[in-house]
Amino acid sequence: LFNSSVVVSDYAAEVDFYKTVLGFELLVQQHDTFKESRPNVFAMPLNLVNNTPHQLTMLAPPGVGFGGVEICHFPQLQGNDFSQRAQPPNIGIVTLRFPVKGIEALKARLVSCNVSIMADTEQPLGGYGNVRLISARTPNNNWIEFFEYQ
């Protein structure tokens, strides 16, 4: 796992969730505008790149420095919100999944921060064996999962 990117409408809420609720560390924060049309990491069409402000924050689990989340926001652009479709079963990338230690404490932390737990199950996970897995939704309705080896 390197990094995953997610485009959100409520930038501040998503960044706060990762920093405050999950305790992720800030790696990069950028509020900028491309001065010219050029290829970009956002997959934004070239005709929209020039002079379109963007906000980007990259966060990662504490002490890791990689395997994090890039939260992207384009305040002047509007698009379709497909977050409700991000639920199993689905074809494509549905969720971000992180290994954790102390999953019961994490679940308690999520609940204390009013984060709804979508699933709490024990199941086999390919490549890992049996795991306890919990799923939740971020403030922008993105599906996120955490698992701990049994």
C-alpha atoms as a PDB file:
ATOM      1  CA  LEU A   1       0.000   0.000   0.000  1.00  0.00           C
ATOM      2  CA  PHE A   2       1.340   3.407  -0.913  1.00  0.00           C
ATOM      3  CA  ASN A   3      -1.318   6.123  -0.762  1.00  0.00           C
ATOM      4  CA  SER A   4      -4.984   6.378  -1.609  1.00  0.00           C
ATOM      5  CA  SER A   5      -6.711   9.529  -2.748  1.00  0.00           C
ATOM      6  CA  VAL A   6     -10.255  10.606  -2.091  1.00  0.00           C
ATOM      7  CA  VAL A   7     -12.024  13.700  -3.394  1.00  0.00           C
ATOM      8  CA  VAL A   8     -14.389  15.183  -0.811  1.00  0.00           C
ATOM      9  CA  SER A   9     -16.900  18.003  -0.582  1.00  0.00           C
ATOM     10  CA  ASP A  10     -16.406  18.726   3.143  1.00  0.00           C
ATOM     11  CA  TYR A  11     -12.636  19.007   3.301  1.00  0.00           C
ATOM     12  CA  ALA A  12     -12.335  20.237   6.893  1.00  0.00           C
ATOM     13  CA  ALA A  13     -14.531  17.445   8.297  1.00  0.00           C
ATOM     14  CA  GLU A  14     -12.593  14.710   6.493  1.00  0.00           C
ATOM     15  CA  VAL A  15      -9.185  16.074   7.537  1.00  0.00           C
ATOM     16  CA  ASP A  16     -10.412  16.442  11.126  1.00  0.00           C
ATOM     17  CA  PHE A  17     -11.674  12.836  11.129  1.00  0.00           C
ATOM     18  CA  TYR A  18      -8.289  11.442  10.140  1.00  0.00           C
ATOM     19  CA  LYS A  19      -6.326  13.748  12.463  1.00  0.00           C
ATOM     20  CA  THR A  20      -8.561  13.923  15.527  1.00  0.00           C
ATOM     21  CA  VAL A  21     -10.525  10.671  15.509  1.00  0.00           C
ATOM     22  CA  LEU A  22      -7.938   8.317  13.985  1.00  0.00           C
ATOM     23  CA  GLY A  23      -4.802  10.134  15.138  1.00  0.00           C
ATOM     24  CA  PHE A  24      -3.167  10.175  11.701  1.00  0.00           C
ATOM     25  CA  GLU A  25      -0.120  12.399  11.240  1.00  0.00           C
ATOM     26  CA  LEU A  26      -0.016  15.270   8.779  1.00  0.00           C
ATOM     27  CA  LEU A  27       2.533  14.644   6.010  1.00  0.00           C
ATOM     28  CA  VAL A  28       1.644  17.273   3.389  1.00  0.00           C
ATOM     29  CA  GLN A  29      -0.781  20.136   3.263  1.00  0.00           C
ATOM     30  CA  GLN A  30      -1.170  22.141   0.079  1.00  0.00           C
ATOM     31  CA  HIS A  31      -3.570  24.907  -0.873  1.00  0.00           C
ATOM     32  CA  ASP A  32      -2.551  25.912  -4.357  1.00  0.00           C
ATOM     33  CA  THR A  33      -3.559  26.624  -7.926  1.00  0.00           C
ATOM     34  CA  PHE A  34      -1.847  25.247 -10.985  1.00  0.00           C
ATOM     35  CA  LYS A  35      -0.692  28.197 -13.074  1.00  0.00           C
ATOM     36  CA  GLU A  36      -0.813  26.270 -16.345  1.00  0.00           C
ATOM     37  CA  SER A  37      -2.656  23.318 -17.821  1.00  0.00           C
ATOM     38  CA  ARG A  38      -0.590  20.196 -17.278  1.00  0.00           C
ATOM     39  CA  PRO A  39      -0.964  16.566 -16.319  1.00  0.00           C
ATOM     40  CA  ASN A  40      -1.785  16.258 -12.625  1.00  0.00           C
ATOM     41  CA  VAL A  41      -2.211  13.668  -9.906  1.00  0.00           C
ATOM     42  CA  PHE A  42      -5.923  14.471  -9.573  1.00  0.00           C
ATOM     43  CA  ALA A  43      -6.850  13.136 -13.041  1.00  0.00           C
ATOM     44  CA  MET A  44      -8.417  16.538 -13.639  1.00  0.00           C
ATOM     45  CA  PRO A  45      -9.078  17.316 -17.322  1.00  0.00           C
ATOM     46  CA  LEU A  46      -6.461  19.679 -18.718  1.00  0.00           C
ATOM     47  CA  ASN A  47      -9.044  22.354 -19.526  1.00  0.00           C
ATOM     48  CA  LEU A  48      -9.904  22.577 -15.798  1.00  0.00           C
ATOM     49  CA  VAL A  49      -6.387  22.519 -14.385  1.00  0.00           C
ATOM     50  CA  ASN A  50      -5.401  26.079 -15.169  1.00  0.00           C
ATOM     51  CA  ASN A  51      -6.420  28.431 -12.357  1.00  0.00           C
ATOM     52  CA  THR A  52      -8.563  25.880 -10.486  1.00  0.00           C
ATOM     53  CA  PRO A  53      -7.738  26.050  -6.761  1.00  0.00           C
ATOM     54  CA  HIS A  54      -7.239  22.778  -4.952  1.00  0.00           C
ATOM     55  CA  GLN A  55      -6.659  21.686  -1.385  1.00  0.00           C
ATOM     56  CA  LEU A  56      -4.686  18.556  -0.616  1.00  0.00           C
ATOM     57  CA  THR A  57      -3.811  17.021   2.714  1.00  0.00           C
ATOM     58  CA  MET A  58      -1.862  13.790   3.015  1.00  0.00           C
ATOM     59  CA  LEU A  59      -2.064  11.923   6.317  1.00  0.00           C
ATOM     60  CA  ALA A  60      -0.705   8.572   7.466  1.00  0.00           C
ATOM     61  CA  PRO A  61      -0.978   6.347  10.526  1.00  0.00           C
ATOM     62  CA  PRO A  62       1.383   7.453  13.328  1.00  0.00           C
ATOM     63  CA  GLY A  63       5.028   6.573  12.846  1.00  0.00           C
ATOM     64  CA  VAL A  64       4.514   5.070   9.396  1.00  0.00           C
ATOM     65  CA  GLY A  65       4.985   7.904   6.886  1.00  0.00           C
ATOM     66  CA  PHE A  66       3.373   5.949   4.044  1.00  0.00           C
ATOM     67  CA  GLY A  67       0.192   4.018   3.342  1.00  0.00           C
ATOM     68  CA  GLY A  68      -1.815   7.108   4.004  1.00  0.00           C
ATOM     69  CA  VAL A  69      -4.710   9.018   2.584  1.00  0.00           C
ATOM     70  CA  GLU A  70      -4.638  12.044   0.303  1.00  0.00           C
ATOM     71  CA  ILE A  71      -7.735  14.141   0.922  1.00  0.00           C
ATOM     72  CA  CYS A  72      -8.454  16.373  -2.068  1.00  0.00           C
ATOM     73  CA  HIS A  73     -10.937  19.198  -2.454  1.00  0.00           C
ATOM     74  CA  PHE A  74     -11.734  21.490  -5.381  1.00  0.00           C
ATOM     75  CA  PRO A  75     -13.922  24.280  -3.989  1.00  0.00           C
ATOM     76  CA  GLN A  76     -14.839  25.714  -7.411  1.00  0.00           C
ATOM     77  CA  LEU A  77     -15.811  22.401  -9.012  1.00  0.00           C
ATOM     78  CA  GLN A  78     -18.921  20.297  -8.625  1.00  0.00           C
ATOM     79  CA  GLY A  79     -19.361  16.637  -9.431  1.00  0.00           C
ATOM     80  CA  ASN A  80     -21.403  13.562  -8.679  1.00  0.00           C
ATOM     81  CA  ASP A  81     -21.302  11.986  -5.229  1.00  0.00           C
ATOM     82  CA  PHE A  82     -21.024   8.201  -5.544  1.00  0.00           C
ATOM     83  CA  SER A  83     -20.224   7.520  -1.879  1.00  0.00           C
ATOM     84  CA  GLN A  84     -23.507   5.689  -1.250  1.00  0.00           C
ATOM     85  CA  ARG A  85     -22.463   3.131  -3.867  1.00  0.00           C
ATOM     86  CA  ALA A  86     -19.279   2.383  -1.956  1.00  0.00           C
ATOM     87  CA  GLN A  87     -20.526  -0.628  -0.061  1.00  0.00           C
ATOM     88  CA  PRO A  88     -19.995  -4.339  -0.478  1.00  0.00           C
ATOM     89  CA  PRO A  89     -20.560  -6.047  -2.804  1.00  0.00           C
ATOM     90  CA  ASN A  90     -19.192  -3.742  -5.472  1.00  0.00           C
ATOM     91  CA  ILE A  91     -16.853  -3.967  -8.430  1.00  0.00           C
ATOM     92  CA  GLY A  92     -13.782  -1.812  -7.980  1.00  0.00           C
ATOM     93  CA  ILE A  93     -12.244  -0.116  -4.984  1.00  0.00           C
ATOM     94  CA  VAL A  94     -14.859   0.140  -2.263  1.00  0.00           C
ATOM     95  CA  THR A  95     -12.894   0.839   0.872  1.00  0.00           C
ATOM     96  CA  LEU A  96      -9.635   1.763   2.488  1.00  0.00           C
ATOM     97  CA  ARG A  97      -8.499  -0.987   4.841  1.00  0.00           C
ATOM     98  CA  PHE A  98      -5.926  -0.623   7.607  1.00  0.00           C
ATOM     99  CA  PRO A  99      -4.373  -3.246   9.897  1.00  0.00           C
ATOM    100  CA  VAL A 100      -4.552  -2.248  13.572  1.00  0.00           C
ATOM    101  CA  LYS A 101      -3.613  -3.480  17.019  1.00  0.00           C
ATOM    102  CA  GLY A 102      -6.225  -3.008  19.731  1.00  0.00           C
ATOM    103  CA  ILE A 103      -9.313  -3.048  17.556  1.00  0.00           C
ATOM    104  CA  GLU A 104     -11.678  -3.020  20.554  1.00  0.00           C
ATOM    105  CA  ALA A 105     -10.128   0.260  21.770  1.00  0.00           C
ATOM    106  CA  LEU A 106     -10.391   1.681  18.243  1.00  0.00           C
ATOM    107  CA  LYS A 107     -14.058   0.711  18.069  1.00  0.00           C
ATOM    108  CA  ALA A 108     -14.704   2.393  21.428  1.00  0.00           C
ATOM    109  CA  ARG A 109     -12.902   5.519  20.167  1.00  0.00           C
ATOM    110  CA  LEU A 110     -15.003   5.606  16.987  1.00  0.00           C
ATOM    111  CA  VAL A 111     -18.250   5.186  18.923  1.00  0.00           C
ATOM    112  CA  SER A 112     -17.232   7.893  21.433  1.00  0.00           C
ATOM    113  CA  CYS A 113     -16.686  10.250  18.476  1.00  0.00           C
ATOM    114  CA  ASN A 114     -20.161   9.449  17.085  1.00  0.00           C
ATOM    115  CA  VAL A 115     -18.835   7.420  14.159  1.00  0.00           C
ATOM    116  CA  SER A 116     -21.328   4.769  13.094  1.00  0.00           C
ATOM    117  CA  ILE A 117     -19.985   1.229  12.932  1.00  0.00           C
ATOM    118  CA  MET A 118     -21.304  -0.339   9.729  1.00  0.00           C
ATOM    119  CA  ALA A 119     -20.033  -3.860  10.460  1.00  0.00           C
ATOM    120  CA  ASP A 120     -18.171  -5.736  13.182  1.00  0.00           C
ATOM    121  CA  THR A 121     -17.311  -9.251  12.159  1.00  0.00           C
ATOM    122  CA  GLU A 122     -14.784 -12.046  12.338  1.00  0.00           C
ATOM    123  CA  GLN A 123     -13.948 -13.545   8.982  1.00  0.00           C
ATOM    124  CA  PRO A 124     -11.154 -14.956   6.860  1.00  0.00           C
ATOM    125  CA  LEU A 125      -9.316 -12.277   4.876  1.00  0.00           C
ATOM    126  CA  GLY A 126      -7.233 -13.425   1.922  1.00  0.00           C
ATOM    127  CA  GLY A 127      -3.527 -13.337   2.695  1.00  0.00           C
ATOM    128  CA  TYR A 128      -4.092 -12.706   6.407  1.00  0.00           C
ATOM    129  CA  GLY A 129      -6.175 -15.571   7.745  1.00  0.00           C
ATOM    130  CA  ASN A 130      -8.913 -14.980  10.307  1.00  0.00           C
ATOM    131  CA  VAL A 131      -9.358 -11.342  11.306  1.00  0.00           C
ATOM    132  CA  ARG A 132     -11.715  -9.182  13.271  1.00  0.00           C
ATOM    133  CA  LEU A 133     -12.884  -6.455  10.940  1.00  0.00           C
ATOM    134  CA  ILE A 134     -14.867  -3.295  11.641  1.00  0.00           C
ATOM    135  CA  SER A 135     -16.252  -0.933   9.011  1.00  0.00           C
ATOM    136  CA  ALA A 136     -17.269   2.678   9.406  1.00  0.00           C
ATOM    137  CA  ARG A 137     -18.124   5.738   7.322  1.00  0.00           C
ATOM    138  CA  THR A 138     -16.049   8.915   7.272  1.00  0.00           C
ATOM    139  CA  PRO A 139     -17.786  12.321   7.442  1.00  0.00           C
ATOM    140  CA  ASN A 140     -17.951  12.388   3.621  1.00  0.00           C
ATOM    141  CA  ASN A 141     -19.544   8.912   3.579  1.00  0.00           C
ATOM    142  CA  ASN A 142     -16.415   7.071   2.488  1.00  0.00           C
ATOM    143  CA  TRP A 143     -16.249   3.444   3.614  1.00  0.00           C
ATOM    144  CA  ILE A 144     -13.203   2.607   5.767  1.00  0.00           C
ATOM    145  CA  GLU A 145     -12.246  -0.686   7.390  1.00  0.00           C
ATOM    146  CA  PHE A 146      -9.850  -1.762  10.128  1.00  0.00           C
ATOM    147  CA  PHE A 147      -8.775  -5.313  10.835  1.00  0.00           C
ATOM    148  CA  GLU A 148      -6.792  -7.115  13.491  1.00  0.00           C
ATOM    149  CA  TYR A 149      -5.252 -10.586  13.231  1.00  0.00           C
ATOM    150  CA  GLN A 150      -6.920 -13.183  15.441  1.00  0.00           C
END
